[in-house]
N, C-alpha and C. Protein backbone atom coordinates (compact mmCIF):
# COMPACT_ATOMS: atom_id res chain seq x y z
N MET A 1 -30.45 -45.68 -63.48
CA MET A 1 -29.07 -45.35 -63.45
C MET A 1 -28.59 -45.25 -62.36
N GLN A 2 -27.45 -45.94 -61.43
CA GLN A 2 -27.06 -46.04 -60.32
C GLN A 2 -25.84 -44.81 -59.90
N SER A 3 -25.80 -44.28 -58.81
CA SER A 3 -24.72 -43.52 -58.64
C SER A 3 -23.53 -44.14 -57.48
N HIS A 4 -22.45 -43.89 -57.87
CA HIS A 4 -21.62 -44.63 -57.09
C HIS A 4 -20.65 -43.93 -56.22
N GLU A 5 -21.66 -42.88 -55.54
CA GLU A 5 -21.10 -41.82 -55.03
C GLU A 5 -20.98 -42.49 -53.44
N SER A 6 -20.26 -41.99 -52.71
CA SER A 6 -19.90 -42.66 -51.51
C SER A 6 -20.81 -41.81 -50.36
N PRO A 7 -21.43 -42.62 -49.51
CA PRO A 7 -22.54 -41.91 -48.61
C PRO A 7 -21.58 -41.00 -47.61
N PHE A 8 -20.30 -41.00 -47.49
CA PHE A 8 -19.63 -40.31 -46.49
C PHE A 8 -18.75 -39.17 -47.23
N ASN A 9 -18.71 -38.20 -46.53
CA ASN A 9 -18.11 -37.14 -46.98
C ASN A 9 -16.50 -37.44 -47.36
N THR A 10 -15.68 -37.23 -48.02
CA THR A 10 -14.41 -37.50 -48.39
C THR A 10 -14.06 -36.42 -47.19
N VAL A 11 -12.68 -37.18 -46.47
CA VAL A 11 -12.12 -36.75 -45.67
C VAL A 11 -10.46 -36.51 -46.01
N PRO A 12 -9.50 -35.57 -45.81
CA PRO A 12 -8.50 -35.44 -46.45
C PRO A 12 -7.65 -37.08 -45.54
N PRO A 13 -6.87 -37.58 -46.25
CA PRO A 13 -5.97 -39.03 -45.86
C PRO A 13 -5.44 -38.42 -44.34
N MET A 14 -4.67 -37.62 -44.28
CA MET A 14 -3.83 -37.08 -43.28
C MET A 14 -4.72 -37.03 -42.03
N ILE A 15 -5.89 -36.38 -42.17
CA ILE A 15 -7.12 -36.27 -40.87
C ILE A 15 -7.33 -37.63 -40.73
N ALA A 16 -7.83 -38.28 -41.61
CA ALA A 16 -8.27 -39.55 -41.09
C ALA A 16 -7.46 -40.50 -40.67
N VAL A 17 -6.05 -40.43 -41.13
CA VAL A 17 -4.75 -41.41 -40.20
C VAL A 17 -4.81 -40.91 -39.01
N LEU A 18 -4.57 -39.28 -38.65
CA LEU A 18 -4.60 -39.00 -37.25
C LEU A 18 -5.93 -39.59 -36.46
N ALA A 19 -7.03 -39.21 -37.06
CA ALA A 19 -8.44 -39.97 -36.13
C ALA A 19 -8.12 -41.49 -36.08
N VAL A 20 -7.60 -42.20 -37.07
CA VAL A 20 -7.52 -43.54 -36.50
C VAL A 20 -6.37 -43.85 -35.78
N ILE A 21 -5.20 -43.12 -35.86
CA ILE A 21 -4.45 -43.34 -34.71
C ILE A 21 -4.93 -43.04 -33.51
N ILE A 22 -5.65 -41.87 -33.32
CA ILE A 22 -6.03 -41.69 -31.88
C ILE A 22 -7.03 -42.70 -31.28
N MET A 23 -7.99 -43.17 -32.13
CA MET A 23 -8.92 -44.07 -31.79
C MET A 23 -8.19 -45.73 -31.55
N GLY A 24 -7.51 -45.81 -32.54
CA GLY A 24 -6.46 -47.02 -32.32
C GLY A 24 -5.76 -47.06 -30.86
N ILE A 25 -4.99 -46.06 -30.24
CA ILE A 25 -4.46 -46.12 -29.05
C ILE A 25 -5.35 -45.90 -27.96
N GLU A 26 -6.75 -45.38 -28.02
CA GLU A 26 -7.58 -45.37 -27.25
C GLU A 26 -8.15 -46.85 -26.89
N VAL A 27 -8.62 -47.53 -28.10
CA VAL A 27 -9.22 -48.72 -28.48
C VAL A 27 -8.32 -49.59 -27.51
N LEU A 28 -6.86 -49.78 -27.77
CA LEU A 28 -5.98 -50.15 -26.82
C LEU A 28 -5.70 -50.10 -25.11
N LEU A 29 -6.01 -49.06 -25.03
CA LEU A 29 -5.60 -48.53 -23.58
C LEU A 29 -7.34 -48.90 -22.85
N SER A 30 -8.27 -48.84 -23.30
CA SER A 30 -9.53 -49.02 -23.28
C SER A 30 -9.49 -50.40 -22.69
N LEU A 31 -9.35 -51.30 -23.72
CA LEU A 31 -9.12 -52.70 -23.71
C LEU A 31 -8.14 -53.42 -22.52
N GLY A 32 -7.14 -52.54 -22.51
CA GLY A 32 -6.04 -52.87 -21.34
C GLY A 32 -6.63 -52.59 -19.99
N SER A 33 -7.36 -51.52 -19.80
CA SER A 33 -7.89 -50.92 -18.58
C SER A 33 -8.92 -52.12 -18.19
N TYR A 34 -9.64 -52.99 -18.99
CA TYR A 34 -10.25 -53.90 -18.28
C TYR A 34 -9.90 -55.20 -18.65
N GLY A 35 -8.60 -55.14 -18.95
CA GLY A 35 -7.78 -56.41 -18.72
C GLY A 35 -8.24 -57.25 -19.99
N VAL A 36 -8.61 -56.92 -21.19
CA VAL A 36 -9.15 -57.89 -22.14
C VAL A 36 -7.57 -57.94 -22.84
N VAL A 37 -6.99 -57.07 -22.91
CA VAL A 37 -5.61 -57.29 -23.42
C VAL A 37 -4.57 -56.94 -22.98
N GLY A 38 -3.37 -57.48 -22.73
CA GLY A 38 -2.12 -57.14 -22.05
C GLY A 38 -2.04 -57.67 -20.91
N GLY A 39 -2.73 -58.44 -20.13
CA GLY A 39 -2.87 -58.99 -18.98
C GLY A 39 -3.13 -58.18 -17.83
N ARG A 40 -2.65 -58.23 -16.48
CA ARG A 40 -2.99 -57.30 -15.46
C ARG A 40 -2.12 -56.13 -15.47
N GLU A 41 -0.81 -56.18 -16.14
CA GLU A 41 -0.38 -54.82 -16.19
C GLU A 41 -0.87 -53.83 -17.10
N ALA A 42 -1.61 -54.15 -18.12
CA ALA A 42 -2.40 -53.33 -18.90
C ALA A 42 -3.32 -52.51 -18.26
N ILE A 43 -3.66 -52.65 -16.80
CA ILE A 43 -4.42 -51.83 -16.24
C ILE A 43 -3.95 -50.31 -16.02
N GLY A 44 -2.51 -50.40 -16.41
CA GLY A 44 -1.72 -48.87 -16.13
C GLY A 44 -1.37 -48.82 -16.97
N TRP A 45 -1.62 -49.02 -18.11
CA TRP A 45 -1.19 -48.56 -19.48
C TRP A 45 -1.35 -46.83 -19.80
N ARG A 46 -2.64 -46.56 -19.10
CA ARG A 46 -3.05 -45.38 -19.44
C ARG A 46 -2.04 -44.14 -18.52
N VAL A 47 -1.67 -44.67 -17.55
CA VAL A 47 -0.95 -43.85 -16.55
C VAL A 47 0.51 -43.91 -17.05
N ARG A 48 0.71 -44.82 -17.54
CA ARG A 48 1.82 -44.90 -18.11
C ARG A 48 2.04 -44.15 -19.51
N ALA A 49 0.91 -44.02 -20.14
CA ALA A 49 0.98 -43.24 -21.35
C ALA A 49 0.99 -41.74 -20.91
N PHE A 50 0.33 -41.40 -19.87
CA PHE A 50 0.60 -39.97 -19.82
C PHE A 50 1.87 -39.59 -19.04
N GLU A 51 2.35 -40.54 -18.57
CA GLU A 51 3.74 -40.12 -18.13
C GLU A 51 4.69 -40.13 -19.13
N GLU A 52 5.06 -41.11 -19.98
CA GLU A 52 5.93 -41.03 -21.39
C GLU A 52 5.45 -40.05 -22.44
N PHE A 53 4.16 -39.88 -22.47
CA PHE A 53 3.74 -39.01 -23.70
C PHE A 53 3.36 -37.87 -23.58
N GLY A 54 2.68 -37.39 -22.21
CA GLY A 54 1.81 -36.42 -22.04
C GLY A 54 2.96 -35.23 -21.79
N PHE A 55 2.24 -33.92 -22.07
CA PHE A 55 2.78 -32.54 -21.64
C PHE A 55 2.79 -32.22 -20.40
N ALA A 56 3.39 -32.06 -19.12
CA ALA A 56 3.39 -31.31 -18.21
C ALA A 56 4.39 -30.36 -17.91
N PRO A 57 4.08 -29.27 -17.32
CA PRO A 57 5.02 -27.75 -17.03
C PRO A 57 6.22 -28.41 -16.72
N GLY A 58 6.70 -29.56 -16.06
CA GLY A 58 8.02 -29.73 -15.62
C GLY A 58 8.76 -30.10 -17.01
N VAL A 59 7.97 -30.38 -18.12
CA VAL A 59 8.73 -30.42 -19.61
C VAL A 59 8.94 -29.38 -19.99
N TRP A 60 8.32 -28.15 -19.79
CA TRP A 60 8.78 -26.74 -20.45
C TRP A 60 9.67 -26.42 -19.68
N GLU A 61 9.94 -26.80 -18.30
CA GLU A 61 10.88 -26.27 -17.48
C GLU A 61 12.40 -26.75 -17.61
N TYR A 62 12.15 -27.96 -18.04
CA TYR A 62 13.58 -28.51 -18.46
C TYR A 62 14.24 -28.13 -19.87
N THR A 63 13.21 -28.04 -20.77
CA THR A 63 13.63 -27.67 -22.00
C THR A 63 14.07 -26.15 -22.00
N ALA A 64 12.75 -25.15 -21.97
CA ALA A 64 13.13 -24.05 -22.10
C ALA A 64 13.92 -23.34 -21.03
N GLY A 65 13.87 -23.84 -19.53
CA GLY A 65 14.51 -23.16 -18.60
C GLY A 65 15.87 -23.86 -18.37
N ARG A 66 16.05 -25.02 -18.64
CA ARG A 66 17.36 -25.49 -18.44
C ARG A 66 18.06 -25.96 -19.79
N GLY A 67 17.51 -25.83 -20.93
CA GLY A 67 18.27 -26.17 -22.30
C GLY A 67 18.26 -27.73 -22.65
N LEU A 68 17.35 -28.33 -21.92
CA LEU A 68 17.80 -29.88 -22.00
C LEU A 68 16.71 -30.18 -23.20
N TRP A 69 17.09 -30.15 -24.50
CA TRP A 69 16.14 -30.38 -25.29
C TRP A 69 16.37 -31.94 -25.90
N THR A 70 16.10 -33.01 -25.21
CA THR A 70 16.08 -34.16 -25.45
C THR A 70 14.83 -34.72 -26.30
N LEU A 71 15.25 -35.93 -27.18
CA LEU A 71 14.06 -36.35 -28.19
C LEU A 71 13.10 -36.36 -26.84
N ASP A 72 13.24 -37.24 -25.79
CA ASP A 72 12.17 -37.61 -24.91
C ASP A 72 11.25 -36.67 -24.71
N LEU A 73 11.77 -35.37 -24.13
CA LEU A 73 11.31 -34.01 -23.90
C LEU A 73 10.34 -33.73 -24.95
N VAL A 74 11.17 -33.42 -26.21
CA VAL A 74 10.67 -32.51 -27.26
C VAL A 74 9.27 -33.34 -27.97
N LYS A 75 9.18 -34.59 -27.98
CA LYS A 75 8.28 -35.29 -28.64
C LYS A 75 7.02 -35.16 -27.92
N ARG A 76 7.11 -34.76 -26.49
CA ARG A 76 5.88 -34.33 -26.05
C ARG A 76 4.87 -33.20 -26.16
N PHE A 77 6.03 -32.32 -26.97
CA PHE A 77 5.20 -30.82 -27.42
C PHE A 77 3.93 -31.43 -28.44
N VAL A 78 4.14 -32.90 -29.07
CA VAL A 78 3.24 -33.25 -29.74
C VAL A 78 2.55 -34.56 -29.45
N THR A 79 3.04 -35.60 -28.56
CA THR A 79 2.58 -36.94 -28.53
C THR A 79 1.59 -36.83 -27.73
N TYR A 80 1.36 -35.61 -26.78
CA TYR A 80 0.35 -35.47 -25.81
C TYR A 80 -1.22 -35.45 -26.48
N ALA A 81 -1.30 -35.08 -27.81
CA ALA A 81 -2.44 -35.08 -28.71
C ALA A 81 -3.09 -36.38 -28.80
N PHE A 82 -2.07 -37.51 -28.59
CA PHE A 82 -2.31 -38.77 -29.09
C PHE A 82 -2.89 -39.54 -27.91
N VAL A 83 -3.15 -38.95 -26.91
CA VAL A 83 -3.00 -39.96 -25.40
C VAL A 83 -4.43 -39.16 -24.66
N GLN A 84 -5.71 -39.82 -24.86
CA GLN A 84 -6.96 -39.13 -24.19
C GLN A 84 -7.21 -39.69 -22.93
N THR A 85 -7.97 -38.88 -22.05
CA THR A 85 -8.26 -39.35 -20.75
C THR A 85 -9.24 -40.36 -20.73
N ASP A 86 -10.10 -40.51 -21.70
CA ASP A 86 -11.15 -41.84 -21.64
C ASP A 86 -11.66 -41.91 -23.50
N PHE A 87 -12.49 -43.20 -23.34
CA PHE A 87 -12.98 -43.45 -24.66
C PHE A 87 -13.85 -42.39 -25.01
N ILE A 88 -14.72 -41.49 -24.43
CA ILE A 88 -15.53 -40.68 -24.96
C ILE A 88 -14.75 -39.75 -25.25
N GLY A 89 -13.97 -39.03 -24.51
CA GLY A 89 -13.13 -38.04 -24.94
C GLY A 89 -12.36 -38.25 -26.24
N ALA A 90 -11.79 -39.25 -26.26
CA ALA A 90 -11.38 -39.88 -27.84
C ALA A 90 -12.13 -39.70 -28.66
N LEU A 91 -13.38 -40.38 -28.41
CA LEU A 91 -14.32 -40.45 -29.93
C LEU A 91 -14.99 -38.85 -30.25
N PHE A 92 -15.20 -38.22 -29.26
CA PHE A 92 -15.63 -36.64 -29.42
C PHE A 92 -14.33 -36.02 -29.86
N GLY A 93 -13.05 -35.93 -29.51
CA GLY A 93 -11.81 -35.48 -30.27
C GLY A 93 -11.93 -35.81 -31.64
N ALA A 94 -12.19 -37.21 -31.64
CA ALA A 94 -11.70 -37.75 -33.25
C ALA A 94 -12.61 -37.09 -34.17
N ALA A 95 -14.17 -37.26 -33.64
CA ALA A 95 -15.10 -36.72 -34.54
C ALA A 95 -14.97 -35.46 -34.82
N MET A 96 -14.57 -34.72 -34.07
CA MET A 96 -14.34 -33.13 -34.16
C MET A 96 -13.53 -33.19 -35.20
N LEU A 97 -12.32 -33.65 -34.77
CA LEU A 97 -11.13 -33.66 -35.89
C LEU A 97 -11.19 -34.02 -37.29
N LEU A 98 -12.40 -35.38 -37.35
CA LEU A 98 -12.61 -35.24 -38.53
C LEU A 98 -13.61 -34.28 -39.45
N ALA A 99 -14.56 -33.57 -38.46
CA ALA A 99 -15.66 -33.04 -39.23
C ALA A 99 -14.81 -31.49 -39.51
N LEU A 100 -14.21 -31.02 -38.65
CA LEU A 100 -13.30 -29.84 -38.88
C LEU A 100 -12.25 -29.88 -39.83
N GLY A 101 -11.36 -31.06 -39.53
CA GLY A 101 -10.26 -31.18 -40.71
C GLY A 101 -11.04 -31.30 -42.23
N LYS A 102 -12.26 -32.09 -42.18
CA LYS A 102 -12.68 -32.13 -43.53
C LYS A 102 -13.05 -30.60 -44.33
N PHE A 103 -13.78 -29.96 -43.34
CA PHE A 103 -14.10 -28.58 -43.87
C PHE A 103 -12.70 -27.70 -44.12
N VAL A 104 -11.82 -27.58 -43.29
CA VAL A 104 -10.88 -26.88 -43.65
C VAL A 104 -10.16 -27.46 -44.74
N GLY A 105 -9.86 -28.61 -44.66
CA GLY A 105 -9.32 -29.40 -45.81
C GLY A 105 -9.74 -28.83 -47.12
N ASP A 106 -11.13 -28.78 -47.31
CA ASP A 106 -11.95 -28.27 -48.45
C ASP A 106 -11.06 -26.99 -49.02
N TRP A 107 -10.82 -26.23 -48.18
CA TRP A 107 -10.43 -24.91 -48.60
C TRP A 107 -9.00 -24.70 -48.77
N PHE A 108 -8.34 -25.47 -47.60
CA PHE A 108 -6.80 -25.35 -47.90
C PHE A 108 -5.90 -26.70 -48.10
N HIS A 109 -5.04 -26.58 -48.58
CA HIS A 109 -3.96 -27.45 -48.98
C HIS A 109 -3.70 -28.31 -47.81
N TRP A 110 -3.56 -29.67 -47.65
CA TRP A 110 -3.68 -30.53 -46.86
C TRP A 110 -2.16 -30.21 -45.72
N ALA A 111 -1.20 -29.52 -46.55
CA ALA A 111 -0.06 -28.92 -45.55
C ALA A 111 -0.30 -28.05 -44.78
N ALA A 112 -1.13 -27.08 -45.29
CA ALA A 112 -1.37 -25.99 -44.41
C ALA A 112 -2.47 -26.35 -43.31
N VAL A 113 -3.43 -27.39 -43.43
CA VAL A 113 -3.83 -27.94 -42.42
C VAL A 113 -2.99 -28.64 -41.71
N LEU A 114 -1.89 -29.52 -42.04
CA LEU A 114 -1.23 -30.05 -41.16
C LEU A 114 -0.52 -28.83 -39.82
N VAL A 115 -0.16 -27.95 -40.69
CA VAL A 115 0.43 -26.79 -40.15
C VAL A 115 -0.07 -26.05 -38.81
N VAL A 116 -1.55 -26.23 -39.25
CA VAL A 116 -2.49 -25.35 -38.33
C VAL A 116 -2.68 -26.39 -37.37
N ILE A 117 -2.66 -27.82 -37.58
CA ILE A 117 -2.76 -28.76 -36.33
C ILE A 117 -1.57 -28.57 -35.76
N LEU A 118 -0.24 -29.00 -36.13
CA LEU A 118 1.08 -28.76 -35.21
C LEU A 118 1.01 -27.46 -34.64
N VAL A 119 0.79 -26.15 -35.28
CA VAL A 119 1.45 -25.01 -34.58
C VAL A 119 0.31 -25.09 -33.45
N SER A 120 -1.11 -25.30 -33.56
CA SER A 120 -2.13 -25.13 -32.48
C SER A 120 -1.61 -26.17 -31.29
N THR A 121 -1.31 -27.51 -31.61
CA THR A 121 -0.48 -28.40 -30.53
C THR A 121 0.63 -28.03 -29.58
N VAL A 122 1.67 -27.72 -30.61
CA VAL A 122 3.06 -27.31 -29.95
C VAL A 122 2.70 -25.69 -29.31
N GLY A 123 1.77 -24.86 -30.02
CA GLY A 123 1.53 -23.68 -29.13
C GLY A 123 0.70 -23.77 -27.86
N ALA A 124 -0.08 -24.83 -27.73
CA ALA A 124 -0.92 -25.17 -27.03
C ALA A 124 0.04 -25.46 -25.54
N ALA A 125 0.98 -26.56 -25.95
CA ALA A 125 1.98 -27.07 -24.80
C ALA A 125 2.63 -25.73 -24.27
N VAL A 126 3.28 -24.90 -25.11
CA VAL A 126 3.91 -23.93 -24.70
C VAL A 126 3.40 -23.01 -23.95
N ILE A 127 1.95 -22.63 -23.98
CA ILE A 127 1.22 -21.74 -23.29
C ILE A 127 1.12 -22.41 -21.89
N PHE A 128 0.41 -23.99 -21.97
CA PHE A 128 0.47 -24.62 -20.55
C PHE A 128 1.34 -24.60 -19.99
N GLY A 129 2.70 -24.86 -20.74
CA GLY A 129 3.93 -25.26 -19.65
C GLY A 129 4.22 -23.74 -19.28
N ILE A 130 3.80 -22.61 -19.93
CA ILE A 130 4.10 -21.31 -18.83
C ILE A 130 3.12 -21.09 -17.95
N ALA A 131 1.93 -21.19 -18.45
CA ALA A 131 0.62 -20.64 -17.45
C ALA A 131 0.40 -21.75 -16.49
N ALA A 132 0.28 -23.26 -16.56
CA ALA A 132 0.01 -23.78 -15.52
C ALA A 132 0.77 -23.87 -14.27
N PRO A 133 2.03 -23.46 -14.11
CA PRO A 133 2.51 -23.74 -12.83
C PRO A 133 2.08 -22.80 -11.78
N VAL A 134 1.60 -21.36 -12.62
CA VAL A 134 1.01 -20.46 -11.95
C VAL A 134 -0.47 -20.78 -11.44
N VAL A 135 -1.30 -21.20 -12.41
CA VAL A 135 -2.56 -21.54 -11.98
C VAL A 135 -2.76 -22.47 -11.25
N THR A 136 -1.88 -23.63 -11.26
CA THR A 136 -1.84 -24.77 -10.57
C THR A 136 -1.26 -24.69 -9.00
N GLY A 137 -0.45 -23.41 -8.90
CA GLY A 137 0.31 -23.14 -7.69
C GLY A 137 1.48 -24.06 -7.76
N GLY A 138 1.96 -24.30 -8.92
CA GLY A 138 3.35 -24.88 -8.76
C GLY A 138 3.13 -26.87 -9.11
N GLY A 139 2.10 -27.07 -9.33
CA GLY A 139 1.71 -28.24 -9.92
C GLY A 139 2.13 -29.02 -11.05
N ASN A 140 2.34 -30.07 -11.18
CA ASN A 140 2.86 -30.59 -12.54
C ASN A 140 1.71 -31.67 -13.28
N PRO A 141 0.30 -30.94 -13.49
CA PRO A 141 -0.37 -31.67 -14.24
C PRO A 141 -0.24 -32.00 -15.73
N PRO A 142 -0.53 -33.07 -16.12
CA PRO A 142 -0.50 -33.07 -17.46
C PRO A 142 -1.33 -32.54 -18.49
N LEU A 143 -0.78 -32.24 -19.72
CA LEU A 143 -1.65 -31.74 -20.94
C LEU A 143 -1.78 -32.93 -21.89
N ILE A 144 -3.36 -33.37 -22.01
CA ILE A 144 -3.28 -34.42 -22.98
C ILE A 144 -4.30 -34.51 -23.80
N GLY A 145 -4.28 -35.05 -24.71
CA GLY A 145 -5.84 -34.91 -25.54
C GLY A 145 -5.62 -34.04 -27.06
N VAL A 146 -6.58 -34.56 -27.89
CA VAL A 146 -6.49 -33.87 -29.12
C VAL A 146 -7.28 -32.48 -29.17
N PHE A 147 -7.82 -31.89 -28.25
CA PHE A 147 -8.31 -30.69 -28.25
C PHE A 147 -7.71 -29.64 -28.75
N PRO A 148 -6.54 -29.42 -28.19
CA PRO A 148 -5.75 -27.90 -28.72
C PRO A 148 -5.70 -28.16 -30.51
N ALA A 149 -5.47 -29.40 -30.93
CA ALA A 149 -5.51 -29.29 -32.31
C ALA A 149 -6.83 -29.09 -33.13
N VAL A 150 -7.80 -29.55 -32.02
CA VAL A 150 -9.09 -29.19 -32.66
C VAL A 150 -9.60 -27.71 -32.59
N TYR A 151 -9.18 -27.19 -31.64
CA TYR A 151 -9.16 -25.66 -31.68
C TYR A 151 -8.47 -24.97 -32.23
N GLY A 152 -7.19 -25.04 -32.86
CA GLY A 152 -6.80 -24.85 -34.02
C GLY A 152 -7.67 -24.94 -35.36
N LEU A 153 -8.36 -25.94 -35.53
CA LEU A 153 -9.26 -26.19 -36.55
C LEU A 153 -10.20 -25.23 -36.63
N ILE A 154 -10.68 -25.03 -35.43
CA ILE A 154 -11.97 -24.03 -35.15
C ILE A 154 -11.30 -22.88 -35.70
N GLY A 155 -10.20 -22.26 -35.28
CA GLY A 155 -9.84 -21.21 -35.81
C GLY A 155 -9.81 -20.74 -37.22
N ALA A 156 -9.19 -22.21 -37.73
CA ALA A 156 -9.29 -22.12 -39.24
C ALA A 156 -10.60 -21.93 -39.88
N PHE A 157 -11.65 -22.61 -39.23
CA PHE A 157 -12.81 -22.51 -39.81
C PHE A 157 -13.52 -21.17 -39.50
N THR A 158 -13.19 -20.64 -38.55
CA THR A 158 -13.59 -18.84 -38.52
C THR A 158 -13.16 -18.34 -39.49
N TYR A 159 -11.76 -18.54 -39.62
CA TYR A 159 -11.04 -17.49 -40.71
C TYR A 159 -11.84 -17.73 -42.04
N ILE A 160 -11.89 -19.07 -42.46
CA ILE A 160 -12.60 -19.25 -43.79
C ILE A 160 -13.87 -18.70 -43.51
N MET A 161 -14.77 -18.70 -42.64
CA MET A 161 -16.05 -18.31 -42.41
C MET A 161 -15.93 -16.83 -42.43
N TRP A 162 -14.95 -16.04 -41.97
CA TRP A 162 -14.86 -14.85 -41.94
C TRP A 162 -14.93 -14.26 -43.53
N LEU A 163 -13.89 -14.96 -44.45
CA LEU A 163 -13.59 -14.37 -45.69
C LEU A 163 -14.67 -14.97 -46.39
N ARG A 164 -15.60 -15.86 -46.30
CA ARG A 164 -16.67 -15.94 -46.82
C ARG A 164 -17.71 -15.04 -46.98
N LEU A 165 -18.17 -14.76 -45.45
CA LEU A 165 -19.11 -13.68 -45.31
C LEU A 165 -18.76 -12.45 -45.86
N GLY A 166 -17.29 -12.16 -45.52
CA GLY A 166 -16.96 -11.02 -46.52
C GLY A 166 -17.21 -10.82 -47.87
N GLN A 167 -16.90 -11.98 -48.49
CA GLN A 167 -17.13 -11.95 -50.01
C GLN A 167 -18.62 -11.99 -50.57
N MET A 168 -19.64 -12.37 -49.63
CA MET A 168 -21.22 -12.32 -49.75
C MET A 168 -21.37 -10.69 -49.12
N GLY A 169 -20.79 -10.03 -48.82
CA GLY A 169 -20.76 -8.60 -47.96
C GLY A 169 -21.97 -9.03 -47.11
N ALA A 170 -21.75 -10.15 -45.83
CA ALA A 170 -22.53 -10.20 -44.98
C ALA A 170 -21.88 -9.98 -43.68
N ASN A 171 -22.28 -9.85 -42.29
CA ASN A 171 -21.61 -9.32 -41.13
C ASN A 171 -20.43 -10.30 -40.90
N GLN A 172 -19.46 -9.92 -41.05
CA GLN A 172 -18.16 -10.95 -40.61
C GLN A 172 -18.26 -11.41 -39.31
N LEU A 173 -18.84 -10.67 -38.36
CA LEU A 173 -18.69 -10.99 -37.10
C LEU A 173 -19.77 -12.32 -36.71
N ALA A 174 -20.48 -12.79 -37.47
CA ALA A 174 -21.08 -13.95 -37.45
C ALA A 174 -20.13 -15.21 -37.42
N ALA A 175 -18.95 -14.88 -38.01
CA ALA A 175 -18.08 -16.08 -38.19
C ALA A 175 -17.67 -16.67 -36.64
N PHE A 176 -18.07 -15.79 -35.70
CA PHE A 176 -17.32 -15.91 -34.48
C PHE A 176 -18.44 -16.62 -33.54
N ARG A 177 -19.55 -17.26 -34.25
CA ARG A 177 -20.91 -17.93 -33.25
C ARG A 177 -20.09 -19.26 -33.09
N LEU A 178 -19.42 -20.10 -33.75
CA LEU A 178 -18.93 -21.40 -33.18
C LEU A 178 -17.91 -21.20 -32.23
N ILE A 179 -17.24 -20.06 -32.10
CA ILE A 179 -16.32 -20.05 -31.01
C ILE A 179 -17.29 -19.34 -29.95
N GLY A 180 -18.65 -18.90 -29.97
CA GLY A 180 -19.31 -18.31 -28.69
C GLY A 180 -19.90 -19.34 -28.07
């Protein structure tokens, strides 16, 4: 009797879509940087993506400081997560998103997983907007990449492990090993 079970773990569709979008954007930017697509103009696509979709402390200053809540500025609280610095960073970020999203998605409803991703992404942008000018001495470096969302999933994973260890009567501090 043959088993028709997939060799791959089932990943929540929302997590798979996010990973595909991240890798699709990265493939396009990488191919453009080598001139395979987009001609000579494509060489600068990544820098333009940082400028158009990245979150910089100046965005925080304009939105929270000056009250300019335009769509162009507000979108950056989320869109920065879809632009990566390079192919390897995108690959690792997407792989971690898939792995942790699958695990957390097994325990929480897909909407809760989406909330974790959104809150950690937006929260990281806010903290970055407040702290970066102090740390960089007034510079305006962009925040880019999916890792703040991944860190949120690591937090959710740690919470799940904390609960599971408590149910088993084990030392709940062991749940923090991944963070350590």
